[in-house]
Amino acid sequence: MAPEGASESIDVAKNTTRSPGDQSSQSKLPSEGADLPTANVPGADADRPRASTKRAVLSGMLERPDGASVAELGQRLGWLPHTVRAAITGLRHAGREVTRSKDAEGQSVYRLARPKTVGR
């Protein structure tokens, strides 16, 4: 027992801290042995997103004859208005033609021109 105010000695042989080289229980990076599915599907149209993505839902709503407003898109996708507008900008930067017009109530409605298919 140590005198009052003095600390007890610590047995360093019982140190349970692992050394940096002993990291076997930590998770490995995905590139180390994991076969992850990729979004690139052979034969799929490169310009069209997979049907199950939010970008595909966005494109589908914008390709409707009536188009879609930011409010409609946000409600359907669960996005805030600035996220909807950013996604529309992303479509424009990807080369898609997005038009904006006003509906009867004066609300902006966005429409997406259908992609032109080559050789059909």
N, C-alpha and C. Protein backbone atom coordinates (compact mmCIF):
# COMPACT_ATOMS: atom_id res chain seq x y z
N MET A 1 0.84 -1.18 0.00
CA MET A 1 0.00 0.00 0.00
C MET A 1 0.88 1.23 0.00
N ALA A 2 0.58 2.21 -0.85
CA ALA A 2 1.38 3.42 -0.97
C ALA A 2 0.98 4.42 0.11
N PRO A 3 1.92 5.23 0.55
CA PRO A 3 1.59 6.26 1.52
C PRO A 3 0.60 7.25 0.96
N GLU A 4 -0.08 7.96 1.82
CA GLU A 4 -1.10 8.92 1.39
C GLU A 4 -0.48 9.97 0.49
N GLY A 5 -1.12 10.25 -0.67
CA GLY A 5 -0.63 11.24 -1.63
C GLY A 5 0.29 10.66 -2.67
N ALA A 6 0.79 9.45 -2.46
CA ALA A 6 1.67 8.82 -3.44
C ALA A 6 0.85 7.87 -4.31
N SER A 7 1.25 7.69 -5.53
CA SER A 7 0.53 6.80 -6.42
C SER A 7 1.07 5.39 -6.32
N GLU A 8 0.22 4.41 -6.60
CA GLU A 8 0.66 3.02 -6.59
C GLU A 8 1.40 2.73 -7.88
N SER A 9 2.29 1.76 -7.82
CA SER A 9 3.02 1.40 -9.03
C SER A 9 2.10 0.59 -9.94
N ILE A 10 2.33 0.70 -11.22
CA ILE A 10 1.52 0.00 -12.22
C ILE A 10 2.37 -1.08 -12.85
N ASP A 11 1.82 -2.26 -12.95
CA ASP A 11 2.54 -3.37 -13.58
C ASP A 11 2.36 -3.26 -15.09
N VAL A 12 3.42 -2.84 -15.78
CA VAL A 12 3.34 -2.64 -17.23
C VAL A 12 3.26 -3.95 -17.99
N ALA A 13 3.55 -5.05 -17.38
CA ALA A 13 3.46 -6.33 -18.05
C ALA A 13 2.01 -6.69 -18.36
N LYS A 14 1.06 -6.11 -17.65
CA LYS A 14 -0.36 -6.39 -17.86
C LYS A 14 -1.03 -5.35 -18.74
N ASN A 15 -0.25 -4.57 -19.47
CA ASN A 15 -0.79 -3.54 -20.36
C ASN A 15 -1.64 -4.22 -21.44
N THR A 16 -2.88 -3.84 -21.53
CA THR A 16 -3.78 -4.47 -22.49
C THR A 16 -3.93 -3.68 -23.78
N THR A 17 -3.23 -2.59 -23.92
CA THR A 17 -3.31 -1.79 -25.13
C THR A 17 -2.58 -2.53 -26.25
N ARG A 18 -3.25 -2.64 -27.37
CA ARG A 18 -2.63 -3.32 -28.51
C ARG A 18 -1.62 -2.41 -29.20
N SER A 19 -0.62 -3.01 -29.75
CA SER A 19 0.36 -2.24 -30.51
C SER A 19 -0.23 -1.89 -31.87
N PRO A 20 0.30 -0.86 -32.55
CA PRO A 20 -0.26 -0.47 -33.86
C PRO A 20 -0.24 -1.59 -34.89
N GLY A 21 0.68 -2.52 -34.77
CA GLY A 21 0.75 -3.62 -35.74
C GLY A 21 -0.32 -4.67 -35.52
N ASP A 22 -0.93 -4.73 -34.34
CA ASP A 22 -1.94 -5.73 -34.02
C ASP A 22 -3.33 -5.14 -34.24
N GLN A 23 -3.74 -5.04 -35.47
CA GLN A 23 -5.03 -4.45 -35.81
C GLN A 23 -5.91 -5.46 -36.51
N SER A 24 -5.76 -6.74 -36.21
CA SER A 24 -6.48 -7.78 -36.94
C SER A 24 -7.98 -7.72 -36.76
N SER A 25 -8.47 -7.19 -35.64
CA SER A 25 -9.91 -7.18 -35.43
C SER A 25 -10.60 -5.97 -36.05
N GLN A 26 -9.84 -5.02 -36.55
CA GLN A 26 -10.46 -3.85 -37.17
C GLN A 26 -10.96 -4.21 -38.56
N SER A 27 -11.98 -3.49 -39.00
CA SER A 27 -12.56 -3.79 -40.31
C SER A 27 -11.58 -3.46 -41.42
N LYS A 28 -11.71 -4.20 -42.50
CA LYS A 28 -10.83 -4.00 -43.65
C LYS A 28 -11.49 -3.05 -44.63
N LEU A 29 -10.69 -2.43 -45.45
CA LEU A 29 -11.20 -1.56 -46.49
C LEU A 29 -12.01 -2.38 -47.49
N PRO A 30 -13.02 -1.78 -48.11
CA PRO A 30 -13.84 -2.54 -49.07
C PRO A 30 -13.04 -3.14 -50.21
N SER A 31 -11.91 -2.52 -50.58
CA SER A 31 -11.14 -3.02 -51.71
C SER A 31 -10.35 -4.27 -51.34
N GLU A 32 -10.28 -4.61 -50.05
CA GLU A 32 -9.51 -5.77 -49.63
C GLU A 32 -10.38 -7.01 -49.55
N GLY A 33 -10.60 -7.66 -50.65
CA GLY A 33 -11.28 -8.93 -50.65
C GLY A 33 -12.79 -8.89 -50.77
N ALA A 34 -13.40 -7.74 -50.73
CA ALA A 34 -14.86 -7.67 -50.83
C ALA A 34 -15.26 -7.45 -52.28
N ASP A 35 -16.15 -8.28 -52.76
CA ASP A 35 -16.67 -8.09 -54.11
C ASP A 35 -17.95 -7.28 -54.00
N LEU A 36 -17.86 -6.01 -54.26
CA LEU A 36 -19.01 -5.12 -54.16
C LEU A 36 -19.69 -4.99 -55.50
N PRO A 37 -21.02 -4.94 -55.52
CA PRO A 37 -21.72 -4.74 -56.79
C PRO A 37 -21.45 -3.33 -57.32
N THR A 38 -21.35 -3.23 -58.61
CA THR A 38 -21.10 -1.93 -59.21
C THR A 38 -22.33 -1.45 -59.94
N ALA A 39 -22.37 -0.13 -60.19
CA ALA A 39 -23.52 0.46 -60.88
C ALA A 39 -23.41 0.25 -62.39
N ASN A 40 -22.24 -0.14 -62.87
CA ASN A 40 -22.07 -0.32 -64.31
C ASN A 40 -22.57 -1.70 -64.72
N VAL A 41 -23.64 -1.71 -65.46
CA VAL A 41 -24.22 -2.96 -65.92
C VAL A 41 -23.94 -3.06 -67.41
N PRO A 42 -23.34 -4.17 -67.85
CA PRO A 42 -23.04 -4.29 -69.28
C PRO A 42 -24.30 -4.18 -70.12
N GLY A 43 -24.24 -3.39 -71.15
CA GLY A 43 -25.36 -3.25 -72.07
C GLY A 43 -26.37 -2.21 -71.65
N ALA A 44 -26.24 -1.67 -70.45
CA ALA A 44 -27.20 -0.65 -69.99
C ALA A 44 -26.89 0.67 -70.66
N ASP A 45 -27.92 1.45 -70.86
CA ASP A 45 -27.76 2.77 -71.46
C ASP A 45 -27.02 3.66 -70.47
N ALA A 46 -25.86 4.17 -70.88
CA ALA A 46 -25.00 4.95 -69.98
C ALA A 46 -25.63 6.27 -69.57
N ASP A 47 -26.53 6.83 -70.38
CA ASP A 47 -27.13 8.11 -70.07
C ASP A 47 -28.31 8.00 -69.11
N ARG A 48 -28.83 6.81 -68.92
CA ARG A 48 -30.02 6.62 -68.08
C ARG A 48 -29.61 6.02 -66.74
N PRO A 49 -30.03 6.63 -65.62
CA PRO A 49 -29.74 6.03 -64.32
C PRO A 49 -30.59 4.79 -64.10
N ARG A 50 -30.18 3.94 -63.15
CA ARG A 50 -30.97 2.75 -62.82
C ARG A 50 -32.35 3.19 -62.35
N ALA A 51 -33.35 2.39 -62.58
CA ALA A 51 -34.73 2.76 -62.27
C ALA A 51 -34.98 2.92 -60.78
N SER A 52 -34.14 2.34 -59.95
CA SER A 52 -34.38 2.38 -58.50
C SER A 52 -33.72 3.57 -57.82
N THR A 53 -33.08 4.46 -58.56
CA THR A 53 -32.38 5.58 -57.93
C THR A 53 -33.26 6.82 -57.87
N LYS A 54 -32.92 7.71 -56.97
CA LYS A 54 -33.67 8.96 -56.87
C LYS A 54 -33.46 9.80 -58.13
N ARG A 55 -32.29 9.69 -58.74
CA ARG A 55 -32.04 10.43 -59.98
C ARG A 55 -32.97 9.93 -61.09
N ALA A 56 -33.25 8.65 -61.10
CA ALA A 56 -34.18 8.10 -62.10
C ALA A 56 -35.59 8.61 -61.84
N VAL A 57 -35.99 8.69 -60.57
CA VAL A 57 -37.31 9.22 -60.23
C VAL A 57 -37.38 10.69 -60.65
N LEU A 58 -36.32 11.44 -60.37
CA LEU A 58 -36.25 12.85 -60.78
C LEU A 58 -36.42 12.98 -62.29
N SER A 59 -35.66 12.20 -63.04
CA SER A 59 -35.75 12.25 -64.50
C SER A 59 -37.14 11.88 -64.99
N GLY A 60 -37.71 10.85 -64.40
CA GLY A 60 -39.05 10.41 -64.80
C GLY A 60 -40.10 11.49 -64.56
N MET A 61 -40.01 12.16 -63.42
CA MET A 61 -40.98 13.23 -63.13
C MET A 61 -40.80 14.42 -64.06
N LEU A 62 -39.55 14.73 -64.39
CA LEU A 62 -39.28 15.86 -65.27
C LEU A 62 -39.61 15.54 -66.73
N GLU A 63 -39.63 14.26 -67.10
CA GLU A 63 -39.96 13.88 -68.47
C GLU A 63 -41.46 13.81 -68.73
N ARG A 64 -42.29 13.94 -67.69
CA ARG A 64 -43.73 13.96 -67.88
C ARG A 64 -44.12 15.18 -68.71
N PRO A 65 -45.19 15.11 -69.50
CA PRO A 65 -45.60 16.26 -70.31
C PRO A 65 -45.87 17.51 -69.45
N ASP A 66 -46.39 17.30 -68.24
CA ASP A 66 -46.67 18.44 -67.37
C ASP A 66 -45.45 18.90 -66.59
N GLY A 67 -44.37 18.12 -66.61
CA GLY A 67 -43.18 18.47 -65.85
C GLY A 67 -43.43 18.33 -64.36
N ALA A 68 -42.63 19.02 -63.56
CA ALA A 68 -42.78 18.95 -62.10
C ALA A 68 -42.22 20.22 -61.48
N SER A 69 -42.85 20.63 -60.38
CA SER A 69 -42.36 21.80 -59.65
C SER A 69 -41.34 21.35 -58.61
N VAL A 70 -40.60 22.31 -58.07
CA VAL A 70 -39.62 22.01 -57.02
C VAL A 70 -40.34 21.40 -55.81
N ALA A 71 -41.52 21.91 -55.49
CA ALA A 71 -42.27 21.39 -54.35
C ALA A 71 -42.67 19.94 -54.57
N GLU A 72 -43.17 19.60 -55.77
CA GLU A 72 -43.55 18.21 -56.08
C GLU A 72 -42.35 17.28 -55.99
N LEU A 73 -41.24 17.72 -56.58
CA LEU A 73 -40.04 16.90 -56.58
C LEU A 73 -39.52 16.69 -55.16
N GLY A 74 -39.51 17.76 -54.38
CA GLY A 74 -39.02 17.67 -53.01
C GLY A 74 -39.88 16.74 -52.16
N GLN A 75 -41.19 16.82 -52.34
CA GLN A 75 -42.10 15.97 -51.58
C GLN A 75 -41.91 14.50 -51.94
N ARG A 76 -41.80 14.22 -53.23
CA ARG A 76 -41.65 12.84 -53.69
C ARG A 76 -40.30 12.24 -53.30
N LEU A 77 -39.24 13.04 -53.39
CA LEU A 77 -37.90 12.52 -53.14
C LEU A 77 -37.44 12.70 -51.69
N GLY A 78 -38.18 13.50 -50.93
CA GLY A 78 -37.75 13.76 -49.56
C GLY A 78 -36.60 14.73 -49.48
N TRP A 79 -36.50 15.62 -50.44
CA TRP A 79 -35.40 16.58 -50.51
C TRP A 79 -35.89 17.98 -50.18
N LEU A 80 -34.98 18.81 -49.71
CA LEU A 80 -35.25 20.24 -49.53
C LEU A 80 -35.15 20.94 -50.89
N PRO A 81 -35.76 22.13 -51.03
CA PRO A 81 -35.75 22.81 -52.33
C PRO A 81 -34.35 23.04 -52.91
N HIS A 82 -33.38 23.39 -52.07
CA HIS A 82 -32.04 23.64 -52.62
C HIS A 82 -31.41 22.35 -53.16
N THR A 83 -31.77 21.21 -52.60
CA THR A 83 -31.26 19.93 -53.09
C THR A 83 -31.89 19.59 -54.43
N VAL A 84 -33.18 19.88 -54.57
CA VAL A 84 -33.87 19.64 -55.85
C VAL A 84 -33.23 20.48 -56.94
N ARG A 85 -33.03 21.77 -56.65
CA ARG A 85 -32.42 22.65 -57.67
C ARG A 85 -31.01 22.21 -58.01
N ALA A 86 -30.25 21.75 -57.02
CA ALA A 86 -28.88 21.27 -57.28
C ALA A 86 -28.90 20.03 -58.17
N ALA A 87 -29.87 19.13 -57.93
CA ALA A 87 -29.99 17.93 -58.76
C ALA A 87 -30.36 18.30 -60.20
N ILE A 88 -31.22 19.30 -60.36
CA ILE A 88 -31.58 19.76 -61.71
C ILE A 88 -30.35 20.35 -62.39
N THR A 89 -29.57 21.11 -61.65
CA THR A 89 -28.33 21.66 -62.20
C THR A 89 -27.38 20.53 -62.59
N GLY A 90 -27.34 19.47 -61.78
CA GLY A 90 -26.50 18.31 -62.12
C GLY A 90 -26.92 17.66 -63.42
N LEU A 91 -28.23 17.61 -63.67
CA LEU A 91 -28.71 17.08 -64.95
C LEU A 91 -28.27 17.96 -66.11
N ARG A 92 -28.34 19.27 -65.90
CA ARG A 92 -27.88 20.20 -66.94
C ARG A 92 -26.40 20.01 -67.22
N HIS A 93 -25.61 19.87 -66.16
CA HIS A 93 -24.17 19.69 -66.34
C HIS A 93 -23.85 18.35 -66.99
N ALA A 94 -24.75 17.39 -66.86
CA ALA A 94 -24.57 16.09 -67.51
C ALA A 94 -24.99 16.12 -68.97
N GLY A 95 -25.45 17.28 -69.45
CA GLY A 95 -25.81 17.42 -70.86
C GLY A 95 -27.28 17.29 -71.16
N ARG A 96 -28.13 17.14 -70.16
CA ARG A 96 -29.57 17.04 -70.39
C ARG A 96 -30.16 18.43 -70.55
N GLU A 97 -31.18 18.54 -71.39
CA GLU A 97 -31.85 19.82 -71.63
C GLU A 97 -33.02 19.97 -70.66
N VAL A 98 -32.89 20.92 -69.73
CA VAL A 98 -33.94 21.18 -68.74
C VAL A 98 -34.53 22.54 -69.03
N THR A 99 -35.85 22.60 -69.15
CA THR A 99 -36.52 23.88 -69.39
C THR A 99 -37.34 24.26 -68.16
N ARG A 100 -37.53 25.55 -67.98
CA ARG A 100 -38.34 26.04 -66.87
C ARG A 100 -39.40 26.98 -67.43
N SER A 101 -40.63 26.80 -66.97
CA SER A 101 -41.72 27.67 -67.38
C SER A 101 -42.62 27.89 -66.17
N LYS A 102 -43.60 28.77 -66.32
CA LYS A 102 -44.53 29.06 -65.23
C LYS A 102 -45.86 28.38 -65.52
N ASP A 103 -46.49 27.84 -64.47
CA ASP A 103 -47.81 27.25 -64.63
C ASP A 103 -48.87 28.33 -64.39
N ALA A 104 -50.14 27.94 -64.35
CA ALA A 104 -51.24 28.89 -64.20
C ALA A 104 -51.17 29.68 -62.90
N GLU A 105 -50.61 29.07 -61.86
CA GLU A 105 -50.50 29.77 -60.57
C GLU A 105 -49.22 30.59 -60.45
N GLY A 106 -48.40 30.57 -61.48
CA GLY A 106 -47.14 31.32 -61.46
C GLY A 106 -45.99 30.56 -60.84
N GLN A 107 -46.17 29.28 -60.57
CA GLN A 107 -45.13 28.45 -59.99
C GLN A 107 -44.22 27.90 -61.09
N SER A 108 -42.91 27.87 -60.84
CA SER A 108 -41.97 27.34 -61.83
C SER A 108 -42.16 25.85 -62.00
N VAL A 109 -42.23 25.43 -63.24
CA VAL A 109 -42.35 24.01 -63.58
C VAL A 109 -41.17 23.66 -64.47
N TYR A 110 -40.49 22.58 -64.12
CA TYR A 110 -39.31 22.13 -64.87
C TYR A 110 -39.68 20.93 -65.71
N ARG A 111 -39.12 20.88 -66.91
CA ARG A 111 -39.33 19.76 -67.82
C ARG A 111 -37.98 19.33 -68.37
N LEU A 112 -37.90 18.05 -68.66
CA LEU A 112 -36.68 17.47 -69.18
C LEU A 112 -36.97 16.90 -70.56
N ALA A 113 -36.20 17.33 -71.54
CA ALA A 113 -36.38 16.79 -72.89
C ALA A 113 -35.92 15.34 -72.89
N ARG A 114 -36.69 14.48 -73.53
CA ARG A 114 -36.30 13.07 -73.61
C ARG A 114 -34.99 12.97 -74.39
N PRO A 115 -34.10 12.07 -73.95
CA PRO A 115 -32.84 11.91 -74.67
C PRO A 115 -33.09 11.38 -76.08
N LYS A 116 -32.38 11.94 -77.01
CA LYS A 116 -32.50 11.48 -78.41
C LYS A 116 -31.74 10.20 -78.58
N THR A 117 -32.39 9.21 -79.17
CA THR A 117 -31.73 7.93 -79.40
C THR A 117 -31.12 7.95 -80.79
N VAL A 118 -29.95 7.40 -80.89
CA VAL A 118 -29.23 7.38 -82.17
C VAL A 118 -29.60 6.10 -82.91
N GLY A 119 -29.95 6.25 -84.18
CA GLY A 119 -30.22 5.11 -85.03
C GLY A 119 -31.61 4.52 -84.89
N ARG A 120 -32.55 5.24 -84.37
CA ARG A 120 -33.91 4.70 -84.26
C ARG A 120 -34.89 5.57 -84.95
